C-alpha atoms as a PDB file:
ATOM      1  CA  MET A   1      69.979 -21.610 -57.836  1.00  0.00           C
ATOM      2  CA  GLN A   2      67.693 -22.908 -60.569  1.00  0.00           C
ATOM      3  CA  TYR A   3      65.791 -25.091 -58.120  1.00  0.00           C
ATOM      4  CA  LEU A   4      65.525 -22.238 -55.628  1.00  0.00           C
ATOM      5  CA  LEU A   5      63.979 -20.068 -58.331  1.00  0.00           C
ATOM      6  CA  PHE A   6      61.629 -22.890 -59.237  1.00  0.00           C
ATOM      7  CA  PHE A   7      60.641 -23.229 -55.584  1.00  0.00           C
ATOM      8  CA  PHE A   8      59.964 -19.490 -55.433  1.00  0.00           C
ATOM      9  CA  PHE A   9      57.767 -19.520 -58.547  1.00  0.00           C
ATOM     10  CA  ALA A  10      56.046 -22.732 -57.451  1.00  0.00           C
ATOM     11  CA  PHE A  11      55.333 -21.172 -54.065  1.00  0.00           C
ATOM     12  CA  ILE A  12      53.740 -18.182 -55.820  1.00  0.00           C
ATOM     13  CA  ASP A  13      51.707 -20.461 -58.109  1.00  0.00           C
ATOM     14  CA  PHE A  14      50.359 -22.569 -55.275  1.00  0.00           C
ATOM     15  CA  ASN A  15      49.588 -19.533 -53.176  1.00  0.00           C
ATOM     16  CA  ILE A  16      47.604 -18.243 -56.153  1.00  0.00           C
ATOM     17  CA  ILE A  17      45.727 -21.563 -56.132  1.00  0.00           C
ATOM     18  CA  CYS A  18      45.227 -21.173 -52.401  1.00  0.00           C
ATOM     19  CA  LEU A  19      43.871 -17.657 -52.803  1.00  0.00           C
ATOM     20  CA  ILE A  20      41.589 -18.654 -55.689  1.00  0.00           C
ATOM     21  CA  SER A  21      40.143 -21.528 -53.659  1.00  0.00           C
ATOM     22  CA  TYR A  22      39.867 -19.341 -50.610  1.00  0.00           C
ATOM     23  CA  TYR A  23      38.142 -16.561 -52.518  1.00  0.00           C
ATOM     24  CA  ILE A  24      35.728 -18.995 -54.172  1.00  0.00           C
ATOM     25  CA  PHE A  25      34.699 -19.927 -50.669  1.00  0.00           C
ATOM     26  CA  LEU A  26      34.713 -16.293 -49.524  1.00  0.00           C
ATOM     27  CA  VAL A  27      32.658 -15.026 -52.469  1.00  0.00           C
ATOM     28  CA  LEU A  28      30.074 -17.768 -51.961  1.00  0.00           C
ATOM     29  CA  PHE A  29      30.044 -16.996 -48.270  1.00  0.00           C
ATOM     30  CA  ASN A  30      29.521 -13.304 -49.076  1.00  0.00           C
ATOM     31  CA  PHE A  31      26.631 -14.244 -51.340  1.00  0.00           C
ATOM     32  CA  PHE A  32      25.210 -16.198 -48.462  1.00  0.00           C
ATOM     33  CA  ILE A  33      25.635 -13.262 -46.064  1.00  0.00           C
ATOM     34  CA  PHE A  34      24.198 -10.798 -48.564  1.00  0.00           C
ATOM     35  CA  PHE A  35      20.987 -12.753 -49.080  1.00  0.00           C
ATOM     36  CA  TYR A  36      20.917 -13.502 -45.391  1.00  0.00           C
ATOM     37  CA  ILE A  37      20.616  -9.810 -44.517  1.00  0.00           C
ATOM     38  CA  PHE A  38      18.547  -8.956 -47.592  1.00  0.00           C
ATOM     39  CA  PHE A  39      15.409  -8.152 -45.605  1.00  0.00           C
ATOM     40  CA  LEU A  40      17.319  -6.556 -42.767  1.00  0.00           C
ATOM     41  CA  LEU A  41      19.253  -3.645 -44.261  1.00  0.00           C
ATOM     42  CA  SER A  42      18.327  -0.665 -46.327  1.00  0.00           C
ATOM     43  CA  PHE A  43      18.796  -0.584 -50.098  1.00  0.00           C
ATOM     44  CA  PHE A  44      21.667   1.923 -49.942  1.00  0.00           C
ATOM     45  CA  PHE A  45      23.647  -0.148 -47.456  1.00  0.00           C
ATOM     46  CA  LYS A  46      23.012  -3.272 -49.506  1.00  0.00           C
ATOM     47  CA  LEU A  47      24.644  -1.665 -52.537  1.00  0.00           C
ATOM     48  CA  ILE A  48      27.649  -0.550 -50.502  1.00  0.00           C
ATOM     49  CA  PHE A  49      28.002  -3.981 -48.936  1.00  0.00           C
ATOM     50  CA  LEU A  50      27.737  -5.741 -52.299  1.00  0.00           C
ATOM     51  CA  PHE A  51      30.322  -3.439 -53.862  1.00  0.00           C
ATOM     52  CA  PHE A  52      32.717  -3.837 -50.970  1.00  0.00           C
ATOM     53  CA  CYS A  53      32.492  -7.628 -50.776  1.00  0.00           C
ATOM     54  CA  PHE A  54      32.660  -8.528 -54.467  1.00  0.00           C
ATOM     55  CA  PHE A  55      34.068  -5.773 -56.632  1.00  0.00           C
ATOM     56  CA  LEU A  56      37.098  -5.049 -54.457  1.00  0.00           C
ATOM     57  CA  HIS A  57      37.822  -8.755 -54.111  1.00  0.00           C
ATOM     58  CA  PHE A  58      38.021  -9.289 -57.856  1.00  0.00           C
ATOM     59  CA  ILE A  59      40.001  -6.089 -58.426  1.00  0.00           C
ATOM     60  CA  PHE A  60      42.741  -6.994 -55.951  1.00  0.00           C
ATOM     61  CA  LEU A  61      42.717 -10.630 -56.993  1.00  0.00           C
ATOM     62  CA  SER A  62      43.295  -9.601 -60.610  1.00  0.00           C
ATOM     63  CA  LEU A  63      46.091  -7.290 -59.496  1.00  0.00           C
ATOM     64  CA  TYR A  64      47.600 -10.198 -57.590  1.00  0.00           C
ATOM     65  CA  LEU A  65      47.410 -12.550 -60.564  1.00  0.00           C
ATOM     66  CA  PHE A  66      48.836 -10.136 -63.132  1.00  0.00           C
ATOM     67  CA  HIS A  67      51.468  -8.522 -60.875  1.00  0.00           C
ATOM     68  CA  SER A  68      52.845 -11.402 -58.884  1.00  0.00           C
ATOM     69  CA  VAL A  69      56.085  -9.464 -58.330  1.00  0.00           C
ATOM     70  CA  PHE A  70      54.196  -7.612 -55.591  1.00  0.00           C
ATOM     71  CA  PHE A  71      53.393 -10.933 -53.951  1.00  0.00           C
ATOM     72  CA  PRO A  72      54.271 -10.096 -50.298  1.00  0.00           C
ATOM     73  CA  PHE A  73      52.541  -6.715 -50.394  1.00  0.00           C
ATOM     74  CA  CYS A  74      49.377  -8.097 -51.994  1.00  0.00           C
ATOM     75  CA  LEU A  75      49.290 -11.065 -49.637  1.00  0.00           C
ATOM     76  CA  TYR A  76      49.459  -8.911 -46.519  1.00  0.00           C
ATOM     77  CA  PHE A  77      46.977  -6.494 -48.038  1.00  0.00           C
ATOM     78  CA  PHE A  78      44.610  -9.438 -48.576  1.00  0.00           C
ATOM     79  CA  HIS A  79      45.051 -10.347 -44.939  1.00  0.00           C
ATOM     80  CA  LEU A  80      44.123  -6.867 -43.755  1.00  0.00           C
ATOM     81  CA  LEU A  81      41.203  -6.640 -46.179  1.00  0.00           C
ATOM     82  CA  ASN A  82      39.846 -10.007 -45.077  1.00  0.00           C
ATOM     83  CA  TYR A  83      40.142  -9.180 -41.415  1.00  0.00           C
ATOM     84  CA  PHE A  84      38.284  -5.928 -41.959  1.00  0.00           C
ATOM     85  CA  LEU A  85      35.571  -7.811 -43.873  1.00  0.00           C
ATOM     86  CA  TYR A  86      35.330 -10.361 -41.083  1.00  0.00           C
ATOM     87  CA  PHE A  87      34.707  -7.728 -38.462  1.00  0.00           C
ATOM     88  CA  ILE A  88      31.962  -6.167 -40.598  1.00  0.00           C
ATOM     89  CA  LEU A  89      30.280  -9.500 -41.382  1.00  0.00           C
ATOM     90  CA  PHE A  90      30.439 -10.829 -37.849  1.00  0.00           C
ATOM     91  CA  PHE A  91      29.218  -7.567 -36.372  1.00  0.00           C
ATOM     92  CA  ILE A  92      26.182  -7.826 -38.689  1.00  0.00           C
ATOM     93  CA  HIS A  93      25.734 -11.450 -37.603  1.00  0.00           C
ATOM     94  CA  PHE A  94      25.972 -10.510 -33.968  1.00  0.00           C
ATOM     95  CA  ALA A  95      23.516  -7.621 -34.304  1.00  0.00           C
ATOM     96  CA  PHE A  96      21.078  -9.736 -36.293  1.00  0.00           C
ATOM     97  CA  PHE A  97      21.166 -12.676 -33.883  1.00  0.00           C
ATOM     98  CA  VAL A  98      20.880 -10.570 -30.759  1.00  0.00           C
ATOM     99  CA  SER A  99      18.190  -8.266 -32.115  1.00  0.00           C
ATOM    100  CA  PHE A 100      15.878 -10.715 -33.858  1.00  0.00           C
ATOM    101  CA  LYS A 101      16.748 -13.989 -32.075  1.00  0.00           C
ATOM    102  CA  SER A 102      16.052 -15.992 -35.241  1.00  0.00           C
ATOM    103  CA  TYR A 103      19.068 -18.300 -35.042  1.00  0.00           C
ATOM    104  CA  LEU A 104      16.865 -21.182 -33.826  1.00  0.00           C
ATOM    105  CA  PHE A 105      14.844 -21.086 -37.058  1.00  0.00           C
ATOM    106  CA  PHE A 106      17.784 -20.814 -39.428  1.00  0.00           C
ATOM    107  CA  PRO A 107      18.142 -23.984 -41.539  1.00  0.00           C
ATOM    108  CA  SER A 108      21.538 -25.646 -41.417  1.00  0.00           C
ATOM    109  CA  PHE A 109      21.401 -26.535 -45.133  1.00  0.00           C
ATOM    110  CA  PHE A 110      21.947 -22.937 -46.232  1.00  0.00           C
ATOM    111  CA  LEU A 111      24.825 -22.712 -43.808  1.00  0.00           C
ATOM    112  CA  SER A 112      26.654 -25.753 -45.178  1.00  0.00           C
ATOM    113  CA  PHE A 113      25.777 -25.398 -48.880  1.00  0.00           C
ATOM    114  CA  PRO A 114      28.411 -22.702 -49.748  1.00  0.00           C
ATOM    115  CA  PHE A 115      31.195 -24.810 -48.234  1.00  0.00           C
ATOM    116  CA  PHE A 116      30.473 -27.929 -50.296  1.00  0.00           C
ATOM    117  CA  LEU A 117      29.663 -25.964 -53.443  1.00  0.00           C
ATOM    118  CA  ALA A 118      33.032 -24.220 -53.167  1.00  0.00           C
ATOM    119  CA  THR A 119      34.727 -27.599 -52.825  1.00  0.00           C
ATOM    120  CA  PHE A 120      33.226 -29.050 -56.016  1.00  0.00           C
ATOM    121  CA  ILE A 121      33.873 -25.898 -58.027  1.00  0.00           C
ATOM    122  CA  SER A 122      37.448 -25.732 -56.752  1.00  0.00           C
ATOM    123  CA  PHE A 123      38.171 -29.296 -57.874  1.00  0.00           C
ATOM    124  CA  PHE A 124      37.775 -28.465 -61.570  1.00  0.00           C
ATOM    125  CA  ILE A 125      39.560 -25.138 -61.256  1.00  0.00           C
ATOM    126  CA  LEU A 126      42.484 -26.688 -59.391  1.00  0.00           C
ATOM    127  CA  PHE A 127      42.754 -29.455 -61.976  1.00  0.00           C
ATOM    128  CA  LEU A 128      43.119 -26.892 -64.768  1.00  0.00           C
ATOM    129  CA  ILE A 129      45.516 -24.732 -62.756  1.00  0.00           C
ATOM    130  CA  SER A 130      47.681 -27.759 -61.954  1.00  0.00           C
ATOM    131  CA  ILE A 131      48.081 -28.498 -65.663  1.00  0.00           C
ATOM    132  CA  ILE A 132      48.846 -24.844 -66.376  1.00  0.00           C
ATOM    133  CA  SER A 133      51.403 -24.793 -63.549  1.00  0.00           C
ATOM    134  CA  PHE A 134      53.060 -27.897 -64.962  1.00  0.00           C
ATOM    135  CA  PHE A 135      53.507 -26.303 -68.384  1.00  0.00           C
ATOM    136  CA  ARG A 136      54.719 -23.128 -66.708  1.00  0.00           C
ATOM    137  CA  PHE A 137      57.376 -25.272 -65.077  1.00  0.00           C
ATOM    138  CA  LEU A 138      58.345 -26.611 -68.513  1.00  0.00           C
ATOM    139  CA  SER A 139      58.595 -23.105 -69.901  1.00  0.00           C
ATOM    140  CA  PHE A 140      60.679 -22.057 -66.884  1.00  0.00           C
ATOM    141  CA  LEU A 141      63.217 -24.768 -67.757  1.00  0.00           C
ATOM    142  CA  ASN A 142      63.277 -23.470 -71.359  1.00  0.00           C
ATOM    143  CA  LEU A 143      62.095 -26.828 -72.645  1.00  0.00           C
ATOM    144  CA  THR A 144      59.190 -25.454 -74.650  1.00  0.00           C
ATOM    145  CA  SER A 145      61.289 -23.156 -76.811  1.00  0.00           C
ATOM    146  CA  SER A 146      61.555 -25.774 -79.500  1.00  0.00           C
ATOM    147  CA  PHE A 147      58.947 -28.323 -80.394  1.00  0.00           C
ATOM    148  CA  PRO A 148      61.341 -31.364 -80.626  1.00  0.00           C
ATOM    149  CA  SER A 149      62.705 -30.763 -77.119  1.00  0.00           C
ATOM    150  CA  PHE A 150      59.161 -30.444 -75.794  1.00  0.00           C
ATOM    151  CA  LEU A 151      58.211 -33.757 -77.426  1.00  0.00           C
ATOM    152  CA  PHE A 152      61.362 -35.333 -76.058  1.00  0.00           C
ATOM    153  CA  LEU A 153      60.428 -34.292 -72.520  1.00  0.00           C
ATOM    154  CA  CYS A 154      56.871 -35.542 -73.004  1.00  0.00           C
ATOM    155  CA  PHE A 155      58.157 -38.948 -74.098  1.00  0.00           C
ATOM    156  CA  ARG A 156      60.693 -38.875 -71.304  1.00  0.00           C
ATOM    157  CA  LEU A 157      58.066 -38.234 -68.650  1.00  0.00           C
ATOM    158  CA  SER A 158      55.363 -40.198 -70.518  1.00  0.00           C
ATOM    159  CA  PHE A 159      51.732 -39.260 -70.702  1.00  0.00           C
ATOM    160  CA  PHE A 160      50.914 -41.381 -67.666  1.00  0.00           C
ATOM    161  CA  ARG A 161      53.351 -39.507 -65.441  1.00  0.00           C
ATOM    162  CA  ILE A 162      52.130 -36.126 -66.642  1.00  0.00           C
ATOM    163  CA  PHE A 163      48.529 -37.105 -66.092  1.00  0.00           C
ATOM    164  CA  PHE A 164      49.321 -38.703 -62.732  1.00  0.00           C
ATOM    165  CA  LEU A 165      51.225 -35.632 -61.549  1.00  0.00           C
ATOM    166  CA  SER A 166      48.434 -33.234 -62.533  1.00  0.00           C
ATOM    167  CA  PHE A 167      45.718 -35.517 -61.196  1.00  0.00           C
ATOM    168  CA  PHE A 168      47.578 -36.109 -57.929  1.00  0.00           C
ATOM    169  CA  LEU A 169      48.126 -32.376 -57.567  1.00  0.00           C
ATOM    170  CA  SER A 170      44.491 -31.493 -58.186  1.00  0.00           C
ATOM    171  CA  PHE A 171      43.226 -34.358 -56.014  1.00  0.00           C
ATOM    172  CA  PHE A 172      45.504 -33.408 -53.128  1.00  0.00           C
ATOM    173  CA  LEU A 173      44.545 -29.748 -53.281  1.00  0.00           C
ATOM    174  CA  SER A 174      40.845 -30.509 -53.597  1.00  0.00           C
ATOM    175  CA  PHE A 175      40.957 -33.034 -50.785  1.00  0.00           C
ATOM    176  CA  HIS A 176      42.871 -30.572 -48.648  1.00  0.00           C
ATOM    177  CA  LEU A 177      40.332 -27.862 -49.392  1.00  0.00           C
ATOM    178  CA  PHE A 178      37.487 -30.219 -48.582  1.00  0.00           C
ATOM    179  CA  VAL A 179      39.091 -31.123 -45.237  1.00  0.00           C
ATOM    180  CA  CYS A 180      39.681 -27.475 -44.382  1.00  0.00           C
ATOM    181  CA  LEU A 181      36.130 -26.545 -45.280  1.00  0.00           C
ATOM    182  CA  PHE A 182      34.729 -29.467 -43.334  1.00  0.00           C
ATOM    183  CA  VAL A 183      36.829 -28.617 -40.273  1.00  0.00           C
ATOM    184  CA  SER A 184      35.899 -24.976 -40.584  1.00  0.00           C
ATOM    185  CA  PHE A 185      32.216 -25.847 -40.938  1.00  0.00           C
ATOM    186  CA  PHE A 186      32.402 -28.195 -37.944  1.00  0.00           C
ATOM    187  CA  LEU A 187      34.104 -25.571 -35.813  1.00  0.00           C
ATOM    188  CA  PHE A 188      31.664 -22.924 -36.991  1.00  0.00           C
ATOM    189  CA  THR A 189      28.623 -25.000 -36.017  1.00  0.00           C
ATOM    190  CA  PHE A 190      30.282 -25.994 -32.744  1.00  0.00           C
ATOM    191  CA  PHE A 191      31.063 -22.408 -31.860  1.00  0.00           C
ATOM    192  CA  LEU A 192      27.620 -21.380 -33.015  1.00  0.00           C
ATOM    193  CA  SER A 193      26.142 -23.765 -30.468  1.00  0.00           C
ATOM    194  CA  ILE A 194      28.375 -22.133 -27.882  1.00  0.00           C
ATOM    195  CA  PHE A 195      27.094 -18.792 -29.096  1.00  0.00           C
ATOM    196  CA  LEU A 196      23.541 -19.887 -28.311  1.00  0.00           C
ATOM    197  CA  LEU A 197      24.609 -20.066 -24.692  1.00  0.00           C
ATOM    198  CA  HIS A 198      27.201 -17.298 -24.621  1.00  0.00           C
ATOM    199  CA  LYS A 199      26.443 -14.710 -27.259  1.00  0.00           C
ATOM    200  CA  ILE A 200      29.165 -12.305 -26.232  1.00  0.00           C
ATOM    201  CA  TYR A 201      31.914 -14.659 -27.476  1.00  0.00           C
ATOM    202  CA  PHE A 202      30.468 -15.075 -30.976  1.00  0.00           C
ATOM    203  CA  ILE A 203      32.565 -12.472 -32.804  1.00  0.00           C
ATOM    204  CA  LEU A 204      35.865 -13.532 -31.256  1.00  0.00           C
ATOM    205  CA  ILE A 205      35.339 -17.290 -31.630  1.00  0.00           C
ATOM    206  CA  THR A 206      34.076 -17.103 -35.214  1.00  0.00           C
ATOM    207  CA  PHE A 207      36.911 -14.785 -36.184  1.00  0.00           C
ATOM    208  CA  LEU A 208      39.438 -17.240 -34.750  1.00  0.00           C
ATOM    209  CA  ASN A 209      37.706 -20.057 -36.620  1.00  0.00           C
ATOM    210  CA  PHE A 210      38.148 -18.455 -40.050  1.00  0.00           C
ATOM    211  CA  HIS A 211      41.612 -17.267 -39.146  1.00  0.00           C
ATOM    212  CA  PHE A 212      42.473 -20.898 -38.363  1.00  0.00           C
ATOM    213  CA  PHE A 213      41.098 -21.917 -41.773  1.00  0.00           C
ATOM    214  CA  PHE A 214      43.217 -19.340 -43.599  1.00  0.00           C
ATOM    215  CA  VAL A 215      46.427 -20.093 -41.685  1.00  0.00           C
ATOM    216  CA  LEU A 216      45.939 -23.851 -42.127  1.00  0.00           C
ATOM    217  CA  ASN A 217      45.638 -23.338 -45.871  1.00  0.00           C
ATOM    218  CA  HIS A 218      48.884 -21.407 -46.136  1.00  0.00           C
ATOM    219  CA  ILE A 219      50.868 -23.763 -43.928  1.00  0.00           C
ATOM    220  CA  SER A 220      49.739 -26.875 -45.776  1.00  0.00           C
ATOM    221  CA  PHE A 221      50.286 -25.305 -49.213  1.00  0.00           C
ATOM    222  CA  PHE A 222      53.738 -24.171 -48.170  1.00  0.00           C
ATOM    223  CA  LEU A 223      54.684 -27.663 -46.970  1.00  0.00           C
ATOM    224  CA  PHE A 224      53.246 -29.329 -50.056  1.00  0.00           C
ATOM    225  CA  THR A 225      55.064 -26.879 -52.342  1.00  0.00           C
ATOM    226  CA  LEU A 226      58.293 -27.571 -50.488  1.00  0.00           C
ATOM    227  CA  PHE A 227      57.779 -31.331 -50.851  1.00  0.00           C
ATOM    228  CA  LEU A 228      56.918 -31.039 -54.545  1.00  0.00           C
ATOM    229  CA  SER A 229      59.916 -28.830 -55.310  1.00  0.00           C
ATOM    230  CA  PHE A 230      62.340 -31.239 -53.607  1.00  0.00           C
ATOM    231  CA  TYR A 231      60.707 -34.193 -55.346  1.00  0.00           C
ATOM    232  CA  LEU A 232      61.056 -32.604 -58.765  1.00  0.00           C
ATOM    233  CA  SER A 233      64.589 -31.493 -57.971  1.00  0.00           C
ATOM    234  CA  PHE A 234      65.721 -35.039 -57.121  1.00  0.00           C
ATOM    235  CA  TYR A 235      63.726 -36.483 -60.006  1.00  0.00           C
ATOM    236  CA  LEU A 236      65.316 -34.157 -62.565  1.00  0.00           C
ATOM    237  CA  SER A 237      68.745 -34.699 -61.049  1.00  0.00           C
ATOM    238  CA  PHE A 238      68.712 -38.495 -61.419  1.00  0.00           C
ATOM    239  CA  THR A 239      66.779 -38.807 -64.718  1.00  0.00           C
END
């Protein structure tokens, strides 16, 4: 039962990491979209769009972080909110491309820069969150209640194992995020080239692309959390 509870809390922690990484990418992508349509929309609509894309994201993300007991509700609410945002963003993309036909002059650097910037920022954030998650695991086992028991566990695990576990965790998550962003960017550019020939499929194909990115994140984080929980369970059972 103790390991099942640890798996549940670890699953919540890693889904928080997944959402933070995903929203770093999404916020940067929203910045990119906002400046992309800066000379296209009116000032009033720009304010509404900026409020909707940034302020609501941080409000619900803070609610998710501080009230993790509502994890399923918040997660599905994030899904619905993201899908609604996608339809708005891609409809603006579609209208802009069809109306002004400026996709041939759009530089690819500004398209790929948010993806790689989100990857490098996420590496440092994931490294810190991995260390915090490790100490949360110690507090869950009631090993940090007294200082001697905490020191005993530190000597038992050794500094090298603690550092290796946190570094491996952060490296795996960052590498996974980089792969997902690279695959998503590759599919986006590939489908964008298809869009140049068949513009009517742009909204559907791009929506499926980002949906694939989000689902791939959750599946891989779930499998990695399952592997890590079983590894720690066997490790603590035989040591």
